Amino acid sequence: MKTALISGITGQDGAYLAKLLLNNNYKVIGLVRESSTNFEGLDYLNIKKEVEIVKCDLIDSNQTAKILETYKPDEIYNLAAQSSVSQSYNDPIGTFKFNTISVFNIIESMKSINPAIKLYQASSSEMFGRVGQLPITENSLIHPVSPYAISKVSAHYTCVNYREIYNLYISCGILFNHESYLRKNDFFIKKVIRESLEISFNNKKDLQVGNIDIKRDFGYAPKYVEAMYLMLQQEKPSDYLICSGKSVSLREIIYYVFDKLKIDKSRCVVNEKFYRPGDIENIYGNNEKAKKDLSWEYDYNFFEVLDLLIEEELMNYKPI
């Protein structure tokens, strides 16, 4: 039986990945921060009792090394991060510190304790920022436009550097936006669906949003975590874009949800206070490398994903 460590297991990706690994007969260790008390994702998927939860401060190199020495993992999936772009503007130093030092500590511990460990690093499409040419590929120019993106670029190239210099098995998944019922309420798609439901049940007046004419490449999280797993099953490590290959505007998404729930479009109110500095107008990727090398299959369009998410939200609806 293989052992996998998952940092950030309380997020949507961590929960779905844990379920996938358990189904593949792994022993799963979930790393959480000292203050973590929310395990709703694991509970929702009915797997919390099957996961061993361990508290670890990844900023502390001694704690990180001790975890590797104690549990002797075959694979590590590093999903832990300060992952909010908007929050990164409020706390750029804290975002950069956690998102980079934690990666250094994991890799240095691997290098000194067991260089045979395989590491998956969660990189981000936000790294590309203002691209000159679409679709984005693994070789596109990187031009980050937020503190979060800058921190992810640093962590990404740290992984590439250690892979090339020390011959460590480190694969980076460059994931574009991916959604599920387990998303936290402050993420855009979750916010739109949750608040639209409140409007449809007459518990809320309108949906307040920022710039909704930007376009993004959205996908379905349970399918994206399959690609994470597949990356560590390859003979050689590499970096892969995980995306749908198409972009859709936030306005289209909102209006689709409104139509599904029979909400008048006038209930969508654009408020400039929700605009982000340096927002990107359009971004989408090319997933051919992942499909070819990993035999990863993905054929959802995002409106099909929205149908799944709306249905699951309705099944679990409780007024805010």
C-alpha atoms as a PDB file:
ATOM      1  CA  MET A   1       0.000   0.000   0.000  1.00  0.00           C
ATOM      2  CA  LYS A   2       1.339   3.410  -0.990  1.00  0.00           C
ATOM      3  CA  THR A   3       1.217   6.372   1.390  1.00  0.00           C
ATOM      4  CA  ALA A   4       0.294   9.855   0.188  1.00  0.00           C
ATOM      5  CA  LEU A   5       0.535  13.147   2.039  1.00  0.00           C
ATOM      6  CA  ILE A   6      -1.954  15.822   1.019  1.00  0.00           C
ATOM      7  CA  SER A   7      -1.395  19.337   2.307  1.00  0.00           C
ATOM      8  CA  GLY A   8      -4.446  21.559   2.029  1.00  0.00           C
ATOM      9  CA  ILE A   9      -6.754  18.573   2.361  1.00  0.00           C
ATOM     10  CA  THR A  10      -9.606  20.728   3.704  1.00  0.00           C
ATOM     11  CA  GLY A  11     -10.032  22.472   0.340  1.00  0.00           C
ATOM     12  CA  GLN A  12     -12.144  21.138  -2.525  1.00  0.00           C
ATOM     13  CA  ASP A  13      -9.164  19.658  -4.394  1.00  0.00           C
ATOM     14  CA  GLY A  14      -7.780  18.016  -1.271  1.00  0.00           C
ATOM     15  CA  ALA A  15     -11.075  16.326  -0.475  1.00  0.00           C
ATOM     16  CA  TYR A  16     -11.681  15.003  -3.995  1.00  0.00           C
ATOM     17  CA  LEU A  17      -8.052  13.905  -4.296  1.00  0.00           C
ATOM     18  CA  ALA A  18      -8.230  12.059  -0.973  1.00  0.00           C
ATOM     19  CA  LYS A  19     -11.288  10.166  -2.189  1.00  0.00           C
ATOM     20  CA  LEU A  20      -9.532   9.253  -5.437  1.00  0.00           C
ATOM     21  CA  LEU A  21      -6.428   8.004  -3.636  1.00  0.00           C
ATOM     22  CA  LEU A  22      -8.444   5.984  -1.120  1.00  0.00           C
ATOM     23  CA  ASN A  23     -10.262   4.360  -4.026  1.00  0.00           C
ATOM     24  CA  ASN A  24      -6.826   3.404  -5.373  1.00  0.00           C
ATOM     25  CA  ASN A  25      -5.874   1.748  -2.073  1.00  0.00           C
ATOM     26  CA  TYR A  26      -3.584   4.475  -0.704  1.00  0.00           C
ATOM     27  CA  LYS A  27      -3.052   5.341   2.914  1.00  0.00           C
ATOM     28  CA  VAL A  28      -3.879   9.047   3.029  1.00  0.00           C
ATOM     29  CA  ILE A  29      -2.363  11.530   5.492  1.00  0.00           C
ATOM     30  CA  GLY A  30      -3.975  14.966   5.466  1.00  0.00           C
ATOM     31  CA  LEU A  31      -1.846  17.882   6.616  1.00  0.00           C
ATOM     32  CA  VAL A  32      -3.718  20.823   8.121  1.00  0.00           C
ATOM     33  CA  ARG A  33      -2.823  24.017   9.929  1.00  0.00           C
ATOM     34  CA  GLU A  34      -2.968  24.140  13.723  1.00  0.00           C
ATOM     35  CA  SER A  35      -6.128  26.262  13.588  1.00  0.00           C
ATOM     36  CA  SER A  36      -8.006  23.996  11.137  1.00  0.00           C
ATOM     37  CA  THR A  37     -11.388  22.811  12.382  1.00  0.00           C
ATOM     38  CA  ASN A  38     -13.426  22.703   9.165  1.00  0.00           C
ATOM     39  CA  PHE A  39     -13.538  19.272   7.534  1.00  0.00           C
ATOM     40  CA  GLU A  40     -16.836  19.719   5.709  1.00  0.00           C
ATOM     41  CA  GLY A  41     -15.453  18.487   2.389  1.00  0.00           C
ATOM     42  CA  LEU A  42     -14.183  15.227   3.853  1.00  0.00           C
ATOM     43  CA  ASP A  43     -17.432  14.785   5.778  1.00  0.00           C
ATOM     44  CA  TYR A  44     -19.505  15.511   2.665  1.00  0.00           C
ATOM     45  CA  LEU A  45     -17.626  12.826   0.724  1.00  0.00           C
ATOM     46  CA  ASN A  46     -17.936  10.487   3.747  1.00  0.00           C
ATOM     47  CA  ILE A  47     -14.188   9.821   3.957  1.00  0.00           C
ATOM     48  CA  LYS A  48     -13.015  11.709   7.051  1.00  0.00           C
ATOM     49  CA  LYS A  49     -12.694   8.520   9.124  1.00  0.00           C
ATOM     50  CA  GLU A  50     -10.460   7.002   6.442  1.00  0.00           C
ATOM     51  CA  VAL A  51      -7.983   9.911   6.413  1.00  0.00           C
ATOM     52  CA  GLU A  52      -5.388  10.463   9.124  1.00  0.00           C
ATOM     53  CA  ILE A  53      -5.363  14.177   9.940  1.00  0.00           C
ATOM     54  CA  VAL A  54      -2.030  15.620  11.087  1.00  0.00           C
ATOM     55  CA  LYS A  55      -1.396  19.216  12.120  1.00  0.00           C
ATOM     56  CA  CYS A  56       1.690  20.743  10.561  1.00  0.00           C
ATOM     57  CA  ASP A  57       3.011  24.256  10.029  1.00  0.00           C
ATOM     58  CA  LEU A  58       4.711  24.012   6.638  1.00  0.00           C
ATOM     59  CA  ILE A  59       6.572  27.246   7.354  1.00  0.00           C
ATOM     60  CA  ASP A  60       8.420  25.349  10.095  1.00  0.00           C
ATOM     61  CA  SER A  61      11.136  23.273   8.431  1.00  0.00           C
ATOM     62  CA  ASN A  62      11.575  21.034  11.479  1.00  0.00           C
ATOM     63  CA  GLN A  63       7.892  20.113  11.560  1.00  0.00           C
ATOM     64  CA  THR A  64       7.880  19.435   7.837  1.00  0.00           C
ATOM     65  CA  ALA A  65      10.933  17.168   8.037  1.00  0.00           C
ATOM     66  CA  LYS A  66       9.469  15.287  11.004  1.00  0.00           C
ATOM     67  CA  ILE A  67       6.287  14.554   9.054  1.00  0.00           C
ATOM     68  CA  LEU A  68       8.274  13.002   6.218  1.00  0.00           C
ATOM     69  CA  GLU A  69      10.413  10.980   8.612  1.00  0.00           C
ATOM     70  CA  THR A  70       7.360   9.707  10.512  1.00  0.00           C
ATOM     71  CA  TYR A  71       5.001   8.813   7.664  1.00  0.00           C
ATOM     72  CA  LYS A  72       7.509   7.939   4.912  1.00  0.00           C
ATOM     73  CA  PRO A  73       5.252   8.986   2.028  1.00  0.00           C
ATOM     74  CA  ASP A  74       5.622   7.665  -1.492  1.00  0.00           C
ATOM     75  CA  GLU A  75       3.829  10.722  -2.877  1.00  0.00           C
ATOM     76  CA  ILE A  76       3.173  14.264  -1.682  1.00  0.00           C
ATOM     77  CA  TYR A  77       0.433  16.457  -3.110  1.00  0.00           C
ATOM     78  CA  ASN A  78       1.104  20.043  -2.073  1.00  0.00           C
ATOM     79  CA  LEU A  79      -2.196  21.878  -2.373  1.00  0.00           C
ATOM     80  CA  ALA A  80      -1.689  24.200   0.600  1.00  0.00           C
ATOM     81  CA  ALA A  81      -1.537  27.902  -0.234  1.00  0.00           C
ATOM     82  CA  GLN A  82      -2.962  31.304   0.471  1.00  0.00           C
ATOM     83  CA  SER A  83      -5.035  30.964  -2.688  1.00  0.00           C
ATOM     84  CA  SER A  84      -7.191  34.089  -2.798  1.00  0.00           C
ATOM     85  CA  VAL A  85      -6.073  36.580  -5.438  1.00  0.00           C
ATOM     86  CA  SER A  86      -8.034  39.419  -3.822  1.00  0.00           C
ATOM     87  CA  GLN A  87      -6.658  38.596  -0.356  1.00  0.00           C
ATOM     88  CA  SER A  88      -3.128  38.666  -1.743  1.00  0.00           C
ATOM     89  CA  TYR A  89      -3.495  42.383  -2.428  1.00  0.00           C
ATOM     90  CA  ASN A  90      -4.344  42.913   1.256  1.00  0.00           C
ATOM     91  CA  ASP A  91      -1.499  40.722   2.529  1.00  0.00           C
ATOM     92  CA  PRO A  92       1.158  40.415  -0.206  1.00  0.00           C
ATOM     93  CA  ILE A  93       4.015  39.604   2.176  1.00  0.00           C
ATOM     94  CA  GLY A  94       2.108  36.907   4.042  1.00  0.00           C
ATOM     95  CA  THR A  95       0.938  35.400   0.746  1.00  0.00           C
ATOM     96  CA  PHE A  96       4.454  35.302  -0.681  1.00  0.00           C
ATOM     97  CA  LYS A  97       5.964  33.951   2.518  1.00  0.00           C
ATOM     98  CA  PHE A  98       3.609  31.006   2.900  1.00  0.00           C
ATOM     99  CA  ASN A  99       3.336  30.105  -0.773  1.00  0.00           C
ATOM    100  CA  THR A 100       7.111  29.989  -1.244  1.00  0.00           C
ATOM    101  CA  ILE A 101       8.715  28.984   2.081  1.00  0.00           C
ATOM    102  CA  SER A 102       6.329  26.046   2.493  1.00  0.00           C
ATOM    103  CA  VAL A 103       7.458  24.695  -0.896  1.00  0.00           C
ATOM    104  CA  PHE A 104      11.136  25.128  -0.041  1.00  0.00           C
ATOM    105  CA  ASN A 105      10.615  23.239   3.231  1.00  0.00           C
ATOM    106  CA  ILE A 106       8.866  20.317   1.551  1.00  0.00           C
ATOM    107  CA  ILE A 107      11.484  19.987  -1.188  1.00  0.00           C
ATOM    108  CA  GLU A 108      14.465  20.370   1.150  1.00  0.00           C
ATOM    109  CA  SER A 109      12.971  17.703   3.421  1.00  0.00           C
ATOM    110  CA  MET A 110      12.520  15.393   0.439  1.00  0.00           C
ATOM    111  CA  LYS A 111      16.078  15.983  -0.718  1.00  0.00           C
ATOM    112  CA  SER A 112      17.604  15.178   2.657  1.00  0.00           C
ATOM    113  CA  ILE A 113      15.271  12.418   3.885  1.00  0.00           C
ATOM    114  CA  ASN A 114      14.148  10.523   0.774  1.00  0.00           C
ATOM    115  CA  PRO A 115      14.876  11.866  -2.729  1.00  0.00           C
ATOM    116  CA  ALA A 116      12.703   9.095  -4.213  1.00  0.00           C
ATOM    117  CA  ILE A 117       9.479  10.756  -2.987  1.00  0.00           C
ATOM    118  CA  LYS A 118       7.282  12.048  -5.799  1.00  0.00           C
ATOM    119  CA  LEU A 119       5.908  15.577  -5.373  1.00  0.00           C
ATOM    120  CA  TYR A 120       2.914  17.207  -7.036  1.00  0.00           C
ATOM    121  CA  GLN A 121       3.027  20.998  -6.769  1.00  0.00           C
ATOM    122  CA  ALA A 122      -0.151  23.002  -7.331  1.00  0.00           C
ATOM    123  CA  SER A 123       0.865  25.794  -9.675  1.00  0.00           C
ATOM    124  CA  SER A 124      -1.684  28.194 -11.129  1.00  0.00           C
ATOM    125  CA  SER A 125      -2.833  29.677 -14.431  1.00  0.00           C
ATOM    126  CA  GLU A 126      -2.670  33.054 -12.669  1.00  0.00           C
ATOM    127  CA  MET A 127       1.110  32.884 -13.210  1.00  0.00           C
ATOM    128  CA  PHE A 128       0.690  33.754 -16.883  1.00  0.00           C
ATOM    129  CA  GLY A 129      -1.080  37.041 -16.280  1.00  0.00           C
ATOM    130  CA  ARG A 130      -0.956  39.296 -19.334  1.00  0.00           C
ATOM    131  CA  VAL A 131      -0.224  36.869 -22.114  1.00  0.00           C
ATOM    132  CA  GLY A 132       0.418  38.039 -25.636  1.00  0.00           C
ATOM    133  CA  GLN A 133      -0.983  34.987 -27.367  1.00  0.00           C
ATOM    134  CA  LEU A 134      -3.797  32.529 -26.685  1.00  0.00           C
ATOM    135  CA  PRO A 135      -4.242  29.690 -26.000  1.00  0.00           C
ATOM    136  CA  ILE A 136      -1.688  29.416 -23.220  1.00  0.00           C
ATOM    137  CA  THR A 137       0.671  26.445 -23.366  1.00  0.00           C
ATOM    138  CA  GLU A 138       3.307  25.100 -20.990  1.00  0.00           C
ATOM    139  CA  ASN A 139       5.837  27.269 -22.857  1.00  0.00           C
ATOM    140  CA  SER A 140       3.915  30.565 -22.790  1.00  0.00           C
ATOM    141  CA  LEU A 141       5.538  33.698 -21.428  1.00  0.00           C
ATOM    142  CA  ILE A 142       4.857  34.257 -17.730  1.00  0.00           C
ATOM    143  CA  HIS A 143       3.806  37.780 -16.711  1.00  0.00           C
ATOM    144  CA  PRO A 144       2.087  37.728 -13.274  1.00  0.00           C
ATOM    145  CA  VAL A 145      -0.219  40.615 -12.341  1.00  0.00           C
ATOM    146  CA  SER A 146      -1.063  39.911  -8.661  1.00  0.00           C
ATOM    147  CA  PRO A 147       0.886  39.180  -5.470  1.00  0.00           C
ATOM    148  CA  TYR A 148      -0.681  35.710  -5.459  1.00  0.00           C
ATOM    149  CA  ALA A 149       0.517  35.058  -9.003  1.00  0.00           C
ATOM    150  CA  ILE A 150       4.015  36.285  -8.157  1.00  0.00           C
ATOM    151  CA  SER A 151       4.198  33.888  -5.216  1.00  0.00           C
ATOM    152  CA  LYS A 152       3.056  30.999  -7.403  1.00  0.00           C
ATOM    153  CA  VAL A 153       5.665  31.818 -10.064  1.00  0.00           C
ATOM    154  CA  SER A 154       8.379  31.725  -7.408  1.00  0.00           C
ATOM    155  CA  ALA A 155       7.166  28.381  -6.044  1.00  0.00           C
ATOM    156  CA  HIS A 156       6.820  26.952  -9.548  1.00  0.00           C
ATOM    157  CA  TYR A 157      10.357  27.786 -10.605  1.00  0.00           C
ATOM    158  CA  THR A 158      11.689  26.560  -7.286  1.00  0.00           C
ATOM    159  CA  CYS A 159      10.212  23.174  -8.206  1.00  0.00           C
ATOM    160  CA  VAL A 160      11.621  23.289 -11.736  1.00  0.00           C
ATOM    161  CA  ASN A 161      15.044  24.239 -10.381  1.00  0.00           C
ATOM    162  CA  TYR A 162      15.195  21.399  -7.847  1.00  0.00           C
ATOM    163  CA  ARG A 163      13.917  18.926 -10.427  1.00  0.00           C
ATOM    164  CA  GLU A 164      16.647  19.867 -12.884  1.00  0.00           C
ATOM    165  CA  ILE A 165      19.543  20.287 -10.454  1.00  0.00           C
ATOM    166  CA  TYR A 166      18.855  17.480  -7.962  1.00  0.00           C
ATOM    167  CA  ASN A 167      16.912  15.127 -10.244  1.00  0.00           C
ATOM    168  CA  LEU A 168      13.917  15.080  -7.906  1.00  0.00           C
ATOM    169  CA  TYR A 169      10.559  13.828  -9.112  1.00  0.00           C
ATOM    170  CA  ILE A 170       8.485  17.014  -9.045  1.00  0.00           C
ATOM    171  CA  SER A 171       5.549  17.620 -11.367  1.00  0.00           C
ATOM    172  CA  CYS A 172       3.668  20.914 -11.429  1.00  0.00           C
ATOM    173  CA  GLY A 173       0.016  21.025 -12.344  1.00  0.00           C
ATOM    174  CA  ILE A 174      -0.841  24.421 -13.800  1.00  0.00           C
ATOM    175  CA  LEU A 175      -4.563  24.381 -13.168  1.00  0.00           C
ATOM    176  CA  PHE A 176      -7.042  26.870 -14.532  1.00  0.00           C
ATOM    177  CA  ASN A 177     -10.232  27.722 -12.629  1.00  0.00           C
ATOM    178  CA  HIS A 178     -12.042  24.560 -11.576  1.00  0.00           C
ATOM    179  CA  GLU A 179     -15.225  24.394  -9.591  1.00  0.00           C
ATOM    180  CA  SER A 180     -17.363  22.044  -7.527  1.00  0.00           C
ATOM    181  CA  TYR A 181     -19.967  22.014  -4.791  1.00  0.00           C
ATOM    182  CA  LEU A 182     -17.090  21.950  -2.275  1.00  0.00           C
ATOM    183  CA  ARG A 183     -15.772  25.368  -3.293  1.00  0.00           C
ATOM    184  CA  LYS A 184     -15.703  27.936  -0.484  1.00  0.00           C
ATOM    185  CA  ASN A 185     -18.383  30.597  -0.620  1.00  0.00           C
ATOM    186  CA  ASP A 186     -15.995  33.448  -1.455  1.00  0.00           C
ATOM    187  CA  PHE A 187     -15.056  31.975  -4.866  1.00  0.00           C
ATOM    188  CA  PHE A 188     -16.876  33.532  -7.824  1.00  0.00           C
ATOM    189  CA  ILE A 189     -18.865  30.580  -9.194  1.00  0.00           C
ATOM    190  CA  LYS A 190     -19.937  29.422  -5.741  1.00  0.00           C
ATOM    191  CA  LYS A 191     -20.937  32.986  -4.815  1.00  0.00           C
ATOM    192  CA  VAL A 192     -22.998  33.388  -7.992  1.00  0.00           C
ATOM    193  CA  ILE A 193     -24.898  30.135  -7.535  1.00  0.00           C
ATOM    194  CA  ARG A 194     -25.424  30.506  -3.776  1.00  0.00           C
ATOM    195  CA  GLU A 195     -26.602  34.114  -3.967  1.00  0.00           C
ATOM    196  CA  SER A 196     -28.748  33.432  -7.037  1.00  0.00           C
ATOM    197  CA  LEU A 197     -30.531  30.739  -5.048  1.00  0.00           C
ATOM    198  CA  GLU A 198     -31.134  33.261  -2.278  1.00  0.00           C
ATOM    199  CA  ILE A 199     -32.600  35.664  -4.836  1.00  0.00           C
ATOM    200  CA  SER A 200     -34.818  32.942  -6.307  1.00  0.00           C
ATOM    201  CA  PHE A 201     -36.184  32.167  -2.830  1.00  0.00           C
ATOM    202  CA  ASN A 202     -36.726  35.900  -2.142  1.00  0.00           C
ATOM    203  CA  ASN A 203     -34.087  35.975   0.584  1.00  0.00           C
ATOM    204  CA  LYS A 204     -31.822  38.425  -1.232  1.00  0.00           C
ATOM    205  CA  LYS A 205     -32.441  41.453  -3.442  1.00  0.00           C
ATOM    206  CA  ASP A 206     -29.637  41.266  -5.995  1.00  0.00           C
ATOM    207  CA  LEU A 207     -26.237  39.881  -6.952  1.00  0.00           C
ATOM    208  CA  GLN A 208     -23.413  42.405  -6.498  1.00  0.00           C
ATOM    209  CA  VAL A 209     -20.475  41.756  -8.823  1.00  0.00           C
ATOM    210  CA  GLY A 210     -17.372  43.420 -10.269  1.00  0.00           C
ATOM    211  CA  ASN A 211     -16.162  43.312 -13.865  1.00  0.00           C
ATOM    212  CA  ILE A 212     -18.199  40.531 -15.471  1.00  0.00           C
ATOM    213  CA  ASP A 213     -16.999  41.034 -19.036  1.00  0.00           C
ATOM    214  CA  ILE A 214     -13.694  39.292 -18.390  1.00  0.00           C
ATOM    215  CA  LYS A 215     -13.391  35.711 -19.662  1.00  0.00           C
ATOM    216  CA  ARG A 216     -11.923  32.686 -17.922  1.00  0.00           C
ATOM    217  CA  ASP A 217     -11.250  29.009 -18.609  1.00  0.00           C
ATOM    218  CA  PHE A 218     -13.415  27.057 -16.142  1.00  0.00           C
ATOM    219  CA  GLY A 219     -13.558  23.319 -15.477  1.00  0.00           C
ATOM    220  CA  TYR A 220     -14.878  20.635 -13.130  1.00  0.00           C
ATOM    221  CA  ALA A 221     -12.742  19.976 -10.040  1.00  0.00           C
ATOM    222  CA  PRO A 222     -13.334  16.205  -9.620  1.00  0.00           C
ATOM    223  CA  LYS A 223     -11.977  15.665 -13.135  1.00  0.00           C
ATOM    224  CA  TYR A 224      -9.019  17.991 -12.592  1.00  0.00           C
ATOM    225  CA  VAL A 225      -7.790  16.061  -9.536  1.00  0.00           C
ATOM    226  CA  GLU A 226      -7.619  12.964 -11.717  1.00  0.00           C
ATOM    227  CA  ALA A 227      -4.887  14.759 -13.685  1.00  0.00           C
ATOM    228  CA  MET A 228      -2.974  15.482 -10.461  1.00  0.00           C
ATOM    229  CA  TYR A 229      -2.926  11.789  -9.639  1.00  0.00           C
ATOM    230  CA  LEU A 230      -1.927  10.794 -13.168  1.00  0.00           C
ATOM    231  CA  MET A 231       1.048  13.167 -13.121  1.00  0.00           C
ATOM    232  CA  LEU A 232       2.708  11.176 -10.347  1.00  0.00           C
ATOM    233  CA  GLN A 233       2.090   7.859 -12.095  1.00  0.00           C
ATOM    234  CA  GLN A 234       4.344   8.744 -15.049  1.00  0.00           C
ATOM    235  CA  GLU A 235       7.897   7.510 -15.539  1.00  0.00           C
ATOM    236  CA  LYS A 236       9.284  11.045 -15.670  1.00  0.00           C
ATOM    237  CA  PRO A 237       8.090  14.268 -14.036  1.00  0.00           C
ATOM    238  CA  SER A 238       6.967  17.271 -16.036  1.00  0.00           C
ATOM    239  CA  ASP A 239       4.623  20.269 -15.964  1.00  0.00           C
ATOM    240  CA  TYR A 240       1.103  20.191 -17.369  1.00  0.00           C
ATOM    241  CA  LEU A 241      -1.666  22.658 -18.110  1.00  0.00           C
ATOM    242  CA  ILE A 242      -4.984  21.360 -16.804  1.00  0.00           C
ATOM    243  CA  CYS A 243      -7.825  23.285 -18.396  1.00  0.00           C
ATOM    244  CA  SER A 244     -10.903  22.992 -20.591  1.00  0.00           C
ATOM    245  CA  GLY A 245      -9.359  24.783 -23.564  1.00  0.00           C
ATOM    246  CA  LYS A 246     -12.156  27.358 -23.830  1.00  0.00           C
ATOM    247  CA  SER A 247     -13.054  30.588 -22.064  1.00  0.00           C
ATOM    248  CA  VAL A 248     -16.441  31.956 -21.078  1.00  0.00           C
ATOM    249  CA  SER A 249     -17.352  35.411 -19.787  1.00  0.00           C
ATOM    250  CA  LEU A 250     -18.532  35.907 -16.225  1.00  0.00           C
ATOM    251  CA  ARG A 251     -21.598  37.654 -17.652  1.00  0.00           C
ATOM    252  CA  GLU A 252     -22.539  34.542 -19.649  1.00  0.00           C
ATOM    253  CA  ILE A 253     -22.188  32.439 -16.506  1.00  0.00           C
ATOM    254  CA  ILE A 254     -24.364  34.738 -14.408  1.00  0.00           C
ATOM    255  CA  TYR A 255     -27.064  34.998 -17.056  1.00  0.00           C
ATOM    256  CA  TYR A 256     -27.080  31.206 -17.532  1.00  0.00           C
ATOM    257  CA  VAL A 257     -27.594  30.677 -13.790  1.00  0.00           C
ATOM    258  CA  PHE A 258     -30.265  33.396 -13.713  1.00  0.00           C
ATOM    259  CA  ASP A 259     -32.121  31.781 -16.624  1.00  0.00           C
ATOM    260  CA  LYS A 260     -31.990  28.384 -14.932  1.00  0.00           C
ATOM    261  CA  LEU A 261     -33.449  29.855 -11.748  1.00  0.00           C
ATOM    262  CA  LYS A 262     -35.854  32.196 -13.575  1.00  0.00           C
ATOM    263  CA  ILE A 263     -34.255  35.394 -12.231  1.00  0.00           C
ATOM    264  CA  ASP A 264     -34.526  38.692 -14.122  1.00  0.00           C
ATOM    265  CA  LYS A 265     -31.139  39.890 -15.380  1.00  0.00           C
ATOM    266  CA  SER A 266     -31.735  43.311 -13.793  1.00  0.00           C
ATOM    267  CA  ARG A 267     -30.990  41.653 -10.430  1.00  0.00           C
ATOM    268  CA  CYS A 268     -27.306  41.484 -11.443  1.00  0.00           C
ATOM    269  CA  VAL A 269     -25.706  44.734 -10.233  1.00  0.00           C
ATOM    270  CA  VAL A 270     -22.175  45.719 -11.266  1.00  0.00           C
ATOM    271  CA  ASN A 271     -20.338  47.449  -8.410  1.00  0.00           C
ATOM    272  CA  GLU A 272     -16.905  48.909  -9.073  1.00  0.00           C
ATOM    273  CA  LYS A 273     -15.770  48.243  -5.520  1.00  0.00           C
ATOM    274  CA  PHE A 274     -15.473  44.577  -6.535  1.00  0.00           C
ATOM    275  CA  TYR A 275     -13.125  45.320  -9.438  1.00  0.00           C
ATOM    276  CA  ARG A 276      -9.624  43.864  -9.073  1.00  0.00           C
ATOM    277  CA  PRO A 277      -6.481  45.848  -9.862  1.00  0.00           C
ATOM    278  CA  GLY A 278      -4.853  44.667 -13.106  1.00  0.00           C
ATOM    279  CA  ASP A 279      -7.552  42.165 -14.048  1.00  0.00           C
ATOM    280  CA  ILE A 280      -6.907  40.015 -17.128  1.00  0.00           C
ATOM    281  CA  GLU A 281      -9.460  40.372 -19.957  1.00  0.00           C
ATOM    282  CA  ASN A 282      -9.296  36.846 -21.344  1.00  0.00           C
ATOM    283  CA  ILE A 283      -7.349  33.684 -20.595  1.00  0.00           C
ATOM    284  CA  TYR A 284      -7.644  30.059 -21.682  1.00  0.00           C
ATOM    285  CA  GLY A 285      -5.259  27.177 -22.124  1.00  0.00           C
ATOM    286  CA  ASN A 286      -4.302  24.253 -24.320  1.00  0.00           C
ATOM    287  CA  ASN A 287      -4.665  20.855 -22.627  1.00  0.00           C
ATOM    288  CA  GLU A 288      -3.217  18.703 -25.423  1.00  0.00           C
ATOM    289  CA  LYS A 289      -0.042  17.744 -23.531  1.00  0.00           C
ATOM    290  CA  ALA A 290      -2.035  16.453 -20.548  1.00  0.00           C
ATOM    291  CA  LYS A 291      -4.421  14.529 -22.776  1.00  0.00           C
ATOM    292  CA  LYS A 292      -1.580  12.979 -24.768  1.00  0.00           C
ATOM    293  CA  ASP A 293       0.976  12.197 -22.037  1.00  0.00           C
ATOM    294  CA  LEU A 294      -1.388  11.399 -19.172  1.00  0.00           C
ATOM    295  CA  SER A 295      -4.263   9.919 -21.177  1.00  0.00           C
ATOM    296  CA  TRP A 296      -6.404  12.414 -19.272  1.00  0.00           C
ATOM    297  CA  GLU A 297      -9.929  12.690 -20.609  1.00  0.00           C
ATOM    298  CA  TYR A 298     -11.936  15.891 -20.376  1.00  0.00           C
ATOM    299  CA  ASP A 299     -14.885  16.866 -22.571  1.00  0.00           C
ATOM    300  CA  TYR A 300     -17.162  19.004 -20.399  1.00  0.00           C
ATOM    301  CA  ASN A 301     -18.244  22.427 -21.529  1.00  0.00           C
ATOM    302  CA  PHE A 302     -18.733  24.763 -18.587  1.00  0.00           C
ATOM    303  CA  PHE A 303     -22.485  25.096 -18.968  1.00  0.00           C
ATOM    304  CA  GLU A 304     -22.733  21.335 -18.377  1.00  0.00           C
ATOM    305  CA  VAL A 305     -20.635  21.848 -15.240  1.00  0.00           C
ATOM    306  CA  LEU A 306     -22.957  24.656 -14.139  1.00  0.00           C
ATOM    307  CA  ASP A 307     -25.928  22.307 -14.498  1.00  0.00           C
ATOM    308  CA  LEU A 308     -24.203  19.829 -12.164  1.00  0.00           C
ATOM    309  CA  LEU A 309     -23.313  22.525  -9.634  1.00  0.00           C
ATOM    310  CA  ILE A 310     -26.787  24.090  -9.597  1.00  0.00           C
ATOM    311  CA  GLU A 311     -28.370  20.661  -9.116  1.00  0.00           C
ATOM    312  CA  GLU A 312     -26.043  19.825  -6.213  1.00  0.00           C
ATOM    313  CA  GLU A 313     -26.596  23.221  -4.575  1.00  0.00           C
ATOM    314  CA  LEU A 314     -30.359  22.737  -4.784  1.00  0.00           C
ATOM    315  CA  MET A 315     -30.051  19.264  -3.224  1.00  0.00           C
ATOM    316  CA  ASN A 316     -28.140  20.719  -0.270  1.00  0.00           C
ATOM    317  CA  TYR A 317     -29.789  24.145  -0.066  1.00  0.00           C
ATOM    318  CA  LYS A 318     -30.058  25.828   3.296  1.00  0.00           C
ATOM    319  CA  PRO A 319     -30.847  29.545   3.582  1.00  0.00           C
ATOM    320  CA  ILE A 320     -27.838  31.748   4.424  1.00  0.00           C
END
